[in-house]
Amino acid sequence: MFDIATDIFRAVITGAIFFYLSFLRGKTSPPMRKVRIFFIIGFGFLLFGGILNVVDNFPSLSRYLTIGRLHPADLLEEVVGYVLGFIFLGIGFWQWIPAIIVLHLEEDRLKKSQEQLKHRIDDLTAECDRLQEQLQHQNATERSVDLMKEDTTTYG
């Protein structure tokens, strides 16, 4: 009885992961889209094997899958379900790790670029403030010169 409960639990968890990954299929970054398909296929095969394992525990259902001394359900469960599922998961992880490394390198490059832009913005802001002060000083000087000219023409 405990085996049946654990088999059902495993099939439900595998199914939840499979449907969750299927739902998020188009919502990932481009490097991860190629990788995600292997995870979806792998968990799909594992779900198939898990469902066959649950069905195998019920004699009323397993009699439809037994042919003579061979048990094709066991072959499908073990080879198609679990072996292919783990192969596709392995391929997914094999491609996922380099994709993660590329994403981390891109993130580091973007942080450096952002830091450079912050410094450039600070430099340009300081230069703008300096030019604005210089312009104000020049305007004040021109006004005082204009006032002096007016005074000399009025009194002179």
Foldseek 3Di string as FASTA:
>chain_A
DVVLVVLVVQLVVLVVVLVVLVVCQVVDDVLLNVLSVLLNLLSVLQNLLSVLVNLCVDVVRQVVQDDPPDRVSVVSNPVRRNVSSVVSVVVSVVSVVVSVVVVVVVVVVVVVVVVVVVVVVVVVVVVVVVVVVVVVVVVVVVVVVVVVVVVVVVVD
